[in-house]
Protein backbone atom coordinates (compact mmCIF):
# COMPACT_ATOMS: atom_id res chain seq x y z
CA UNK A 1 0.00 0.00 0.00
CA UNK A 2 1.12 3.56 -0.74
CA UNK A 3 1.43 6.13 2.02
CA UNK A 4 -1.28 8.73 2.09
CA UNK A 5 -0.40 12.17 0.70
CA UNK A 6 0.21 14.84 3.30
CA UNK A 7 -2.67 17.26 3.53
CA UNK A 8 -2.03 20.79 2.18
CA UNK A 9 -0.36 22.97 4.77
CA UNK A 10 0.92 19.99 6.75
CA UNK A 11 4.61 20.14 5.79
CA UNK A 12 4.12 20.11 2.01
CA UNK A 13 6.09 22.86 0.24
CA UNK A 14 4.18 24.73 -2.42
CA UNK A 15 5.80 26.33 -5.48
CA UNK A 16 5.90 29.82 -3.96
CA UNK A 17 7.72 28.58 -0.90
CA UNK A 18 10.22 26.83 -3.15
CA UNK A 19 10.73 29.99 -5.24
CA UNK A 20 11.31 32.01 -2.07
CA UNK A 21 13.76 29.44 -0.76
CA UNK A 22 15.90 29.37 -3.91
CA UNK A 23 15.67 33.12 -4.74
CA UNK A 24 18.94 34.03 -2.94
CA UNK A 25 20.78 31.21 -4.73
CA UNK A 26 19.25 32.29 -8.06
CA UNK A 27 20.48 35.89 -7.52
CA UNK A 28 24.01 34.70 -6.67
CA UNK A 29 24.18 32.54 -9.78
CA UNK A 30 22.82 35.31 -12.03
CA UNK A 31 25.34 37.85 -10.65
CA UNK A 32 28.35 35.50 -10.61
CA UNK A 33 29.59 36.54 -14.07
CA UNK A 34 29.29 40.01 -15.50
CA UNK A 35 30.64 42.56 -17.92
CA UNK A 36 32.57 45.54 -16.63
CA UNK A 37 34.17 48.73 -17.92
CA UNK A 38 37.71 49.45 -16.76
CA UNK A 39 38.19 52.75 -14.92
CA UNK A 40 41.88 52.32 -14.02
CA UNK A 41 44.57 49.70 -13.55
CA UNK A 42 47.32 49.47 -10.94
CA UNK A 43 50.23 47.51 -12.40
CA UNK A 44 52.42 47.55 -9.26
CA UNK A 45 52.82 44.43 -7.17
CA UNK A 46 52.48 40.75 -7.95
CA UNK A 47 48.94 40.96 -9.30
CA UNK A 48 47.43 43.74 -11.33
CA UNK A 49 44.51 45.43 -9.58
CA UNK A 50 41.62 47.03 -11.47
CA UNK A 51 38.89 49.47 -10.66
CA UNK A 52 35.82 48.56 -12.72
CA UNK A 53 32.20 49.60 -13.15
CA UNK A 54 29.78 46.69 -13.23
CA UNK A 55 26.04 47.25 -12.94
CA UNK A 56 24.66 50.77 -12.96
CA UNK A 57 26.28 52.53 -10.03
CA UNK A 58 28.32 49.51 -8.93
CA UNK A 59 32.05 50.27 -8.87
CA UNK A 60 34.58 47.81 -7.52
CA UNK A 61 38.20 48.54 -6.72
CA UNK A 62 41.00 46.10 -5.99
CA UNK A 63 39.66 43.61 -8.54
CA UNK A 64 42.49 41.15 -9.11
CA UNK A 65 43.20 40.51 -12.79
CA UNK A 66 44.33 37.10 -13.96
CA UNK A 67 46.55 37.10 -17.06
CA UNK A 68 47.82 34.23 -19.21
CA UNK A 69 51.27 32.96 -18.27
CA UNK A 70 53.96 34.70 -20.32
CA UNK A 71 51.70 37.57 -21.40
CA UNK A 72 51.08 40.80 -19.58
CA UNK A 73 49.41 44.06 -20.51
CA UNK A 74 48.37 47.30 -18.89
CA UNK A 75 44.93 48.12 -20.29
CA UNK A 76 43.70 51.69 -20.58
CA UNK A 77 40.51 53.18 -19.18
CA UNK A 78 37.45 52.28 -21.20
CA UNK A 79 38.55 48.70 -21.93
CA UNK A 80 36.02 46.00 -21.15
CA UNK A 81 36.36 43.07 -18.78
CA UNK A 82 34.61 39.86 -17.86
CA UNK A 83 34.45 39.68 -14.07
CA UNK A 84 33.68 36.54 -12.10
CA UNK A 85 32.41 36.86 -8.55
CA UNK A 86 33.99 33.94 -6.72
CA UNK A 87 31.31 31.87 -5.01
CA UNK A 88 28.69 34.26 -6.39
CA UNK A 89 29.88 36.86 -3.84
CA UNK A 90 29.94 40.33 -5.46
CA UNK A 91 32.46 41.41 -2.81
CA UNK A 92 35.03 38.92 -4.17
CA UNK A 93 35.39 39.69 -7.92
CA UNK A 94 38.28 38.72 -10.21
CA UNK A 95 38.79 39.83 -13.81
CA UNK A 96 39.44 36.83 -16.04
CA UNK A 97 39.77 38.67 -19.36
CA UNK A 98 40.20 42.30 -20.45
CA UNK A 99 39.74 43.38 -24.06
CA UNK A 100 39.57 46.67 -25.89
CA UNK A 101 37.49 46.66 -29.05
CA UNK A 102 38.68 50.21 -29.83
CA UNK A 103 42.14 48.92 -30.79
CA UNK A 104 41.52 45.29 -31.76
CA UNK A 105 43.13 44.51 -35.12
CA UNK A 106 40.61 43.44 -37.71
CA UNK A 107 40.95 41.49 -40.91
CA UNK A 108 43.15 38.68 -39.58
CA UNK A 109 43.07 35.50 -41.64
CA UNK A 110 41.83 32.28 -40.05
CA UNK A 111 44.53 30.94 -37.71
CA UNK A 112 46.51 34.20 -37.45
CA UNK A 113 47.58 35.57 -34.07
CA UNK A 114 48.35 39.24 -33.38
CA UNK A 115 49.96 40.86 -30.35
CA UNK A 116 49.10 44.55 -30.39
CA UNK A 117 48.78 47.67 -28.27
CA UNK A 118 46.50 50.67 -28.42
CA UNK A 119 49.30 52.64 -30.10
CA UNK A 120 48.54 52.68 -33.82
CA UNK A 121 50.76 50.46 -35.87
CA UNK A 122 52.40 48.42 -33.08
CA UNK A 123 51.79 44.79 -33.96
CA UNK A 124 53.44 41.42 -34.16
CA UNK A 125 51.39 39.11 -36.37
CA UNK A 126 51.97 35.40 -36.79
CA UNK A 127 50.71 35.12 -40.35
CA UNK A 128 48.75 32.25 -41.88
CA UNK A 129 51.53 31.74 -44.47
CA UNK A 130 54.06 31.00 -41.68
CA UNK A 131 55.77 34.39 -41.76
CA UNK A 132 55.96 36.87 -38.88
CA UNK A 133 55.15 40.53 -39.49
CA UNK A 134 56.49 43.12 -37.02
CA UNK A 135 55.02 46.60 -37.46
CA UNK A 136 55.91 49.78 -35.57
CA UNK A 137 55.55 53.48 -36.26
CA UNK A 138 58.74 53.99 -34.20
CA UNK A 139 61.90 51.92 -34.03
CA UNK A 140 62.20 48.25 -33.13
CA UNK A 141 65.00 47.52 -30.67
CA UNK A 142 66.58 44.14 -29.97
CA UNK A 143 68.63 43.81 -26.77
CA UNK A 144 70.82 40.72 -26.57
CA UNK A 145 74.55 40.01 -26.33
CA UNK A 146 74.34 38.30 -29.73
CA UNK A 147 71.74 38.38 -32.50
CA UNK A 148 71.95 35.46 -34.88
CA UNK A 149 70.20 35.37 -38.23
CA UNK A 150 70.05 32.11 -40.13
CA UNK A 151 69.11 32.81 -43.72
CA UNK A 152 69.22 35.76 -46.06
CA UNK A 153 68.78 39.33 -44.82
CA UNK A 154 67.20 41.95 -47.05
CA UNK A 155 67.45 45.60 -46.05
CA UNK A 156 65.71 48.32 -48.05
CA UNK A 157 67.03 51.24 -45.98
CA UNK A 158 70.49 52.20 -44.71
CA UNK A 159 72.49 49.93 -42.39
CA UNK A 160 74.55 51.67 -39.71
CA UNK A 161 77.13 49.61 -37.81
CA UNK A 162 79.17 51.22 -35.04
CA UNK A 163 78.06 54.65 -36.22
CA UNK A 164 79.28 54.03 -39.80
CA UNK A 165 76.75 54.03 -42.61
CA UNK A 166 77.18 51.18 -45.05
CA UNK A 167 75.57 53.38 -47.68
CA UNK A 168 77.89 56.41 -47.40
CA UNK A 169 81.11 55.17 -45.76
CA UNK A 170 84.55 55.55 -47.35
CA UNK A 171 87.93 53.99 -46.61
CA UNK A 172 90.73 56.54 -46.18
CA UNK A 173 94.30 55.91 -47.34
CA UNK A 174 93.67 52.94 -49.57
CA UNK A 175 93.88 54.48 -53.04
CA UNK A 176 97.05 55.25 -54.92
CA UNK A 177 98.36 58.48 -53.47
CA UNK A 178 96.66 57.90 -50.07
CA UNK A 179 93.17 59.18 -50.93
CA UNK A 180 89.86 57.74 -49.76
CA UNK A 181 87.65 55.36 -51.67
CA UNK A 182 84.36 56.60 -52.95
CA UNK A 183 81.10 55.73 -51.25
CA UNK A 184 79.54 52.34 -52.11
CA UNK A 185 77.38 52.22 -55.19
Foldseek 3Di string as FASTA:
>chain_A
DDDDDDPPPPPDDDPVNVCVVCVVVVLLVVQQKFKWFWAAWDPDDDFIWTWTDTPVPDIDTRATEDDDPPDDDGDDGGWMFMWGAVVSDPNRIHTDDTGHPVQDDDDADPPKDWDADSPPFAIWICHPVRDIDGTDPDDDDDDDPDDDDDDDDDDPDWDADPNRTLQFDWAFQPDVVGGIDGRDD
